[in-house]
């Protein structure tokens, strides 16, 4: 991880402490960072029927993609330092696992839970 990635991660963690990520803003936008130790954040709560935009940034040194299988959401494969946006509108409530895939290792320990609630 280079110095800019470390600064970006520290800033993101600092903002996450000041503005907890368990409930995203009404616009339902957020950022998910793939690091060499997992996903940040690894728990999110969103509202059913409201459009979501997640910015995915890969800070791991492996190629990875972000996937929410049961909602048919996935990002393209991202090299270290690359970012992509995924957009979707949840149409059901419940808890859904998400993870970061790697072509070398598939779905591994990089996991989290997305909870969709009624408006």
N, C-alpha and C. Protein backbone atom coordinates (compact mmCIF):
# COMPACT_ATOMS: atom_id res chain seq x y z
N UNK A 1 0.85 -1.17 0.00
CA UNK A 1 0.00 0.00 0.00
C UNK A 1 0.90 1.24 0.00
N UNK A 2 0.70 2.14 -0.97
CA UNK A 2 1.54 3.33 -1.04
C UNK A 2 1.03 4.41 -0.08
N UNK A 3 1.74 5.50 0.03
CA UNK A 3 1.42 6.55 1.00
C UNK A 3 0.07 7.19 0.73
N UNK A 4 -0.29 7.41 -0.54
CA UNK A 4 -1.59 8.00 -0.85
C UNK A 4 -2.74 7.08 -0.45
N UNK A 5 -2.55 5.79 -0.64
CA UNK A 5 -3.58 4.83 -0.23
C UNK A 5 -3.71 4.80 1.28
N UNK A 6 -2.60 4.89 1.99
CA UNK A 6 -2.64 4.90 3.45
C UNK A 6 -3.35 6.15 3.96
N UNK A 7 -3.05 7.30 3.35
CA UNK A 7 -3.70 8.55 3.75
C UNK A 7 -5.20 8.46 3.47
N UNK A 8 -5.56 7.92 2.31
CA UNK A 8 -6.96 7.76 1.95
C UNK A 8 -7.68 6.86 2.95
N UNK A 9 -7.05 5.76 3.34
CA UNK A 9 -7.65 4.84 4.29
C UNK A 9 -7.81 5.48 5.66
N UNK A 10 -6.80 6.19 6.13
CA UNK A 10 -6.88 6.86 7.43
C UNK A 10 -7.99 7.91 7.41
N UNK A 11 -8.09 8.70 6.35
CA UNK A 11 -9.14 9.70 6.23
C UNK A 11 -10.51 9.04 6.24
N UNK A 12 -10.65 7.95 5.49
CA UNK A 12 -11.93 7.25 5.44
C UNK A 12 -12.30 6.71 6.82
N UNK A 13 -11.35 6.11 7.52
CA UNK A 13 -11.63 5.57 8.86
C UNK A 13 -12.00 6.70 9.81
N UNK A 14 -11.32 7.83 9.72
CA UNK A 14 -11.62 8.97 10.58
C UNK A 14 -13.04 9.46 10.33
N UNK A 15 -13.42 9.59 9.06
CA UNK A 15 -14.78 10.03 8.73
C UNK A 15 -15.82 9.01 9.16
N UNK A 16 -15.49 7.74 9.10
CA UNK A 16 -16.43 6.70 9.50
C UNK A 16 -16.71 6.78 11.00
N UNK A 17 -15.72 7.15 11.78
CA UNK A 17 -15.92 7.31 13.22
C UNK A 17 -16.79 8.52 13.50
N UNK A 18 -16.55 9.62 12.78
CA UNK A 18 -17.34 10.83 12.99
C UNK A 18 -18.77 10.69 12.48
N UNK A 19 -18.94 9.98 11.37
CA UNK A 19 -20.24 9.81 10.75
C UNK A 19 -20.48 8.32 10.53
N UNK A 20 -21.00 7.63 11.55
CA UNK A 20 -21.13 6.17 11.47
C UNK A 20 -21.82 5.71 10.19
N UNK A 21 -21.34 4.58 9.67
CA UNK A 21 -21.75 4.07 8.37
C UNK A 21 -22.88 3.06 8.44
N UNK A 22 -23.41 2.79 9.63
CA UNK A 22 -24.43 1.75 9.70
C UNK A 22 -25.71 2.16 8.97
N UNK A 23 -26.01 3.46 8.90
CA UNK A 23 -27.13 3.96 8.11
C UNK A 23 -26.59 5.01 7.16
N UNK A 24 -26.74 4.76 5.87
CA UNK A 24 -26.23 5.71 4.88
C UNK A 24 -27.17 6.90 4.80
N UNK A 25 -26.67 8.00 4.27
CA UNK A 25 -27.46 9.21 4.10
C UNK A 25 -28.68 8.93 3.24
N UNK A 26 -29.65 9.87 3.24
CA UNK A 26 -30.91 9.66 2.53
C UNK A 26 -30.70 9.39 1.04
N UNK A 27 -29.63 9.91 0.46
CA UNK A 27 -29.35 9.66 -0.95
C UNK A 27 -28.86 8.23 -1.16
N UNK A 28 -28.59 7.53 -0.09
CA UNK A 28 -28.08 6.16 -0.12
C UNK A 28 -26.84 6.04 -1.01
N UNK A 29 -25.87 6.86 -0.70
CA UNK A 29 -24.57 6.78 -1.36
C UNK A 29 -23.53 6.41 -0.32
N UNK A 30 -22.51 5.74 -0.75
CA UNK A 30 -21.46 5.36 0.19
C UNK A 30 -20.24 4.85 -0.55
N UNK A 31 -19.25 4.49 0.24
CA UNK A 31 -18.00 3.99 -0.31
C UNK A 31 -17.63 2.70 0.40
N UNK A 32 -17.16 1.74 -0.37
CA UNK A 32 -16.64 0.49 0.20
C UNK A 32 -15.19 0.38 -0.26
N UNK A 33 -14.30 0.21 0.71
CA UNK A 33 -12.88 0.08 0.41
C UNK A 33 -12.46 -1.37 0.63
N UNK A 34 -11.83 -1.94 -0.39
CA UNK A 34 -11.27 -3.29 -0.29
C UNK A 34 -9.81 -3.13 0.11
N UNK A 35 -9.47 -3.64 1.29
CA UNK A 35 -8.09 -3.54 1.78
C UNK A 35 -7.48 -4.93 1.86
N UNK A 36 -6.23 -5.01 2.27
CA UNK A 36 -5.59 -6.32 2.41
C UNK A 36 -6.06 -7.07 3.65
N UNK A 37 -6.90 -6.43 4.49
CA UNK A 37 -7.43 -7.10 5.68
C UNK A 37 -8.95 -7.27 5.63
N UNK A 38 -9.60 -6.79 4.57
CA UNK A 38 -11.05 -6.96 4.46
C UNK A 38 -11.73 -5.76 3.86
N UNK A 39 -13.06 -5.70 4.05
CA UNK A 39 -13.88 -4.63 3.50
C UNK A 39 -14.21 -3.60 4.57
N UNK A 40 -14.17 -2.34 4.18
CA UNK A 40 -14.53 -1.24 5.09
C UNK A 40 -15.60 -0.42 4.39
N UNK A 41 -16.81 -0.33 4.92
CA UNK A 41 -17.33 -1.03 6.09
C UNK A 41 -17.72 -2.46 5.72
N UNK A 42 -17.95 -3.27 6.74
CA UNK A 42 -18.38 -4.64 6.46
C UNK A 42 -19.84 -4.87 6.89
N UNK A 43 -20.51 -3.81 7.32
CA UNK A 43 -21.94 -3.85 7.62
C UNK A 43 -22.57 -2.55 7.15
N UNK A 44 -23.68 -2.66 6.42
CA UNK A 44 -24.41 -1.48 5.94
C UNK A 44 -25.90 -1.75 6.05
N UNK A 45 -26.67 -0.66 6.25
CA UNK A 45 -28.12 -0.74 6.26
C UNK A 45 -28.66 0.24 5.23
N UNK A 46 -29.55 -0.24 4.36
CA UNK A 46 -30.14 0.58 3.31
C UNK A 46 -31.65 0.42 3.34
N UNK A 47 -32.35 1.32 2.63
CA UNK A 47 -33.81 1.29 2.58
C UNK A 47 -34.30 0.68 1.28
N UNK A 48 -35.30 -0.18 1.41
CA UNK A 48 -35.93 -0.81 0.26
C UNK A 48 -36.55 0.24 -0.64
N UNK A 49 -36.39 0.07 -1.96
CA UNK A 49 -37.04 0.94 -2.92
C UNK A 49 -36.33 2.25 -3.21
N UNK A 50 -35.22 2.53 -2.52
CA UNK A 50 -34.48 3.77 -2.77
C UNK A 50 -33.16 3.44 -3.48
N UNK A 51 -32.87 4.22 -4.52
CA UNK A 51 -31.67 3.98 -5.32
C UNK A 51 -30.41 4.08 -4.46
N UNK A 52 -29.46 3.22 -4.76
CA UNK A 52 -28.19 3.14 -4.04
C UNK A 52 -27.05 3.33 -5.03
N UNK A 53 -26.04 4.10 -4.62
CA UNK A 53 -24.80 4.17 -5.38
C UNK A 53 -23.65 3.94 -4.41
N UNK A 54 -22.88 2.90 -4.67
CA UNK A 54 -21.69 2.60 -3.87
C UNK A 54 -20.46 2.79 -4.74
N UNK A 55 -19.50 3.53 -4.22
CA UNK A 55 -18.21 3.69 -4.88
C UNK A 55 -17.30 2.62 -4.27
N UNK A 56 -16.74 1.78 -5.11
CA UNK A 56 -15.87 0.70 -4.65
C UNK A 56 -14.44 1.08 -5.00
N UNK A 57 -13.56 1.02 -3.99
CA UNK A 57 -12.14 1.31 -4.23
C UNK A 57 -11.32 0.11 -3.77
N UNK A 58 -10.45 -0.38 -4.65
CA UNK A 58 -9.58 -1.50 -4.31
C UNK A 58 -8.22 -0.97 -3.85
N UNK A 59 -7.92 -1.17 -2.57
CA UNK A 59 -6.61 -0.79 -2.04
C UNK A 59 -5.77 -2.03 -1.73
N UNK A 60 -6.26 -3.19 -2.13
CA UNK A 60 -5.49 -4.42 -1.98
C UNK A 60 -4.55 -4.55 -3.17
N UNK A 61 -3.49 -5.30 -3.01
CA UNK A 61 -2.55 -5.48 -4.13
C UNK A 61 -2.99 -6.58 -5.09
N UNK A 62 -4.14 -7.20 -4.83
CA UNK A 62 -4.69 -8.22 -5.72
C UNK A 62 -5.86 -7.64 -6.50
N UNK A 63 -6.09 -8.15 -7.68
CA UNK A 63 -7.25 -7.76 -8.48
C UNK A 63 -8.50 -8.29 -7.78
N UNK A 64 -9.51 -7.42 -7.61
CA UNK A 64 -10.73 -7.84 -6.90
C UNK A 64 -11.95 -7.18 -7.51
N UNK A 65 -13.10 -7.78 -7.25
CA UNK A 65 -14.39 -7.17 -7.59
C UNK A 65 -15.28 -7.25 -6.36
N UNK A 66 -16.27 -6.37 -6.30
CA UNK A 66 -17.24 -6.32 -5.20
C UNK A 66 -18.54 -6.95 -5.69
N UNK A 67 -19.12 -7.85 -4.89
CA UNK A 67 -20.30 -8.61 -5.33
C UNK A 67 -21.33 -8.74 -4.21
N UNK A 68 -22.61 -8.51 -4.56
CA UNK A 68 -23.74 -8.85 -3.68
C UNK A 68 -24.55 -9.87 -4.48
N UNK A 69 -24.24 -11.16 -4.34
CA UNK A 69 -24.81 -12.18 -5.23
C UNK A 69 -26.34 -12.22 -5.29
N UNK A 70 -27.02 -12.20 -4.15
CA UNK A 70 -28.48 -12.36 -4.15
C UNK A 70 -29.22 -11.14 -4.68
N UNK A 71 -28.50 -10.02 -4.86
CA UNK A 71 -29.11 -8.82 -5.44
C UNK A 71 -28.61 -8.58 -6.86
N UNK A 72 -27.82 -9.51 -7.39
CA UNK A 72 -27.25 -9.41 -8.74
C UNK A 72 -26.48 -8.10 -8.95
N UNK A 73 -25.67 -7.75 -7.95
CA UNK A 73 -24.86 -6.54 -8.01
C UNK A 73 -23.39 -6.95 -8.05
N UNK A 74 -22.64 -6.36 -8.98
CA UNK A 74 -21.20 -6.63 -9.02
C UNK A 74 -20.47 -5.48 -9.70
N UNK A 75 -19.25 -5.27 -9.26
CA UNK A 75 -18.38 -4.27 -9.89
C UNK A 75 -17.50 -4.99 -10.90
N UNK A 76 -16.85 -4.23 -11.78
CA UNK A 76 -15.84 -4.86 -12.63
C UNK A 76 -14.63 -5.25 -11.79
N UNK A 77 -13.74 -6.03 -12.36
CA UNK A 77 -12.48 -6.34 -11.68
C UNK A 77 -11.68 -5.05 -11.55
N UNK A 78 -11.14 -4.82 -10.36
CA UNK A 78 -10.40 -3.59 -10.07
C UNK A 78 -8.96 -3.91 -9.70
N UNK A 79 -8.04 -3.25 -10.35
CA UNK A 79 -6.62 -3.34 -9.99
C UNK A 79 -6.41 -2.47 -8.75
N UNK A 80 -5.27 -2.62 -8.10
CA UNK A 80 -4.93 -1.81 -6.93
C UNK A 80 -5.05 -0.32 -7.28
N UNK A 81 -5.80 0.42 -6.45
CA UNK A 81 -5.96 1.86 -6.63
C UNK A 81 -7.14 2.25 -7.51
N UNK A 82 -7.74 1.30 -8.23
CA UNK A 82 -8.86 1.63 -9.10
C UNK A 82 -10.16 1.74 -8.33
N UNK A 83 -11.10 2.51 -8.91
CA UNK A 83 -12.42 2.69 -8.31
C UNK A 83 -13.49 2.42 -9.37
N UNK A 84 -14.67 2.04 -8.91
CA UNK A 84 -15.82 1.84 -9.79
C UNK A 84 -17.08 2.14 -8.98
N UNK A 85 -18.15 2.42 -9.68
CA UNK A 85 -19.44 2.69 -9.06
C UNK A 85 -20.40 1.56 -9.38
N UNK A 86 -21.17 1.13 -8.38
CA UNK A 86 -22.27 0.19 -8.61
C UNK A 86 -23.56 0.88 -8.17
N UNK A 87 -24.60 0.72 -8.97
CA UNK A 87 -25.89 1.32 -8.66
C UNK A 87 -26.97 0.25 -8.73
N UNK A 88 -27.89 0.33 -7.77
CA UNK A 88 -28.99 -0.61 -7.74
C UNK A 88 -30.09 -0.06 -6.85
N UNK A 89 -31.28 -0.62 -6.98
CA UNK A 89 -32.40 -0.25 -6.12
C UNK A 89 -32.90 -1.53 -5.45
N UNK A 90 -32.69 -1.67 -4.14
CA UNK A 90 -33.14 -2.88 -3.45
C UNK A 90 -34.66 -3.02 -3.52
N UNK A 91 -35.14 -4.20 -3.90
CA UNK A 91 -36.59 -4.40 -4.01
C UNK A 91 -37.11 -5.42 -3.01
N UNK A 92 -36.28 -5.79 -2.04
CA UNK A 92 -36.70 -6.73 -1.00
C UNK A 92 -35.95 -6.41 0.29
N UNK A 93 -36.56 -6.77 1.41
CA UNK A 93 -35.91 -6.58 2.70
C UNK A 93 -35.18 -7.85 3.10
N UNK A 94 -34.29 -7.71 4.08
CA UNK A 94 -33.56 -8.87 4.57
C UNK A 94 -32.08 -8.58 4.69
N UNK A 95 -31.33 -9.60 5.01
CA UNK A 95 -29.87 -9.50 5.13
C UNK A 95 -29.22 -10.22 3.96
N UNK A 96 -28.24 -9.56 3.36
CA UNK A 96 -27.58 -10.08 2.17
C UNK A 96 -26.07 -10.00 2.35
N UNK A 97 -25.39 -11.10 2.11
CA UNK A 97 -23.93 -11.12 2.23
C UNK A 97 -23.31 -10.49 0.99
N UNK A 98 -22.25 -9.71 1.20
CA UNK A 98 -21.46 -9.20 0.09
C UNK A 98 -20.02 -9.59 0.31
N UNK A 99 -19.24 -9.58 -0.76
CA UNK A 99 -17.84 -9.98 -0.62
C UNK A 99 -17.00 -9.40 -1.76
N UNK A 100 -15.70 -9.52 -1.59
CA UNK A 100 -14.75 -9.13 -2.63
C UNK A 100 -14.18 -10.40 -3.24
N UNK A 101 -14.41 -10.56 -4.53
CA UNK A 101 -13.89 -11.72 -5.25
C UNK A 101 -12.49 -11.45 -5.77
N UNK A 102 -11.73 -12.50 -5.91
CA UNK A 102 -10.41 -12.43 -6.53
C UNK A 102 -10.32 -13.55 -7.55
N UNK A 103 -9.86 -13.26 -8.78
CA UNK A 103 -9.72 -14.34 -9.76
C UNK A 103 -8.81 -15.47 -9.27
N UNK A 104 -7.82 -15.13 -8.42
CA UNK A 104 -6.90 -16.13 -7.93
C UNK A 104 -7.52 -17.01 -6.84
N UNK A 105 -8.36 -16.41 -5.96
CA UNK A 105 -8.86 -17.14 -4.80
C UNK A 105 -10.38 -17.22 -4.69
N UNK A 106 -11.11 -16.57 -5.59
CA UNK A 106 -12.57 -16.60 -5.51
C UNK A 106 -13.07 -15.80 -4.32
N UNK A 107 -14.18 -16.25 -3.74
CA UNK A 107 -14.78 -15.59 -2.58
C UNK A 107 -14.06 -16.06 -1.33
N UNK A 108 -13.43 -15.14 -0.60
CA UNK A 108 -12.70 -15.56 0.59
C UNK A 108 -13.15 -14.79 1.83
N UNK A 109 -12.28 -14.48 2.72
CA UNK A 109 -12.62 -13.86 4.00
C UNK A 109 -13.09 -12.42 3.90
N UNK A 110 -13.03 -11.82 2.74
CA UNK A 110 -13.42 -10.42 2.54
C UNK A 110 -14.94 -10.36 2.38
N UNK A 111 -15.68 -10.37 3.49
CA UNK A 111 -17.14 -10.44 3.46
C UNK A 111 -17.78 -9.38 4.33
N UNK A 112 -19.07 -9.17 4.13
CA UNK A 112 -19.85 -8.25 4.95
C UNK A 112 -21.32 -8.56 4.79
N UNK A 113 -22.16 -7.80 5.53
CA UNK A 113 -23.60 -8.01 5.49
C UNK A 113 -24.30 -6.68 5.20
N UNK A 114 -25.19 -6.73 4.23
CA UNK A 114 -26.04 -5.60 3.86
C UNK A 114 -27.45 -5.90 4.35
N UNK A 115 -28.01 -5.01 5.16
CA UNK A 115 -29.38 -5.18 5.66
C UNK A 115 -30.28 -4.18 4.95
N UNK A 116 -31.33 -4.68 4.34
CA UNK A 116 -32.31 -3.83 3.67
C UNK A 116 -33.55 -3.77 4.54
N UNK A 117 -33.96 -2.53 4.87
CA UNK A 117 -35.14 -2.32 5.74
C UNK A 117 -36.23 -1.59 4.95
N UNK A 118 -37.46 -1.63 5.48
CA UNK A 118 -38.56 -0.86 4.88
C UNK A 118 -38.26 0.63 5.06
N UNK A 119 -38.84 1.44 4.18
CA UNK A 119 -38.64 2.90 4.26
C UNK A 119 -39.16 3.45 5.57
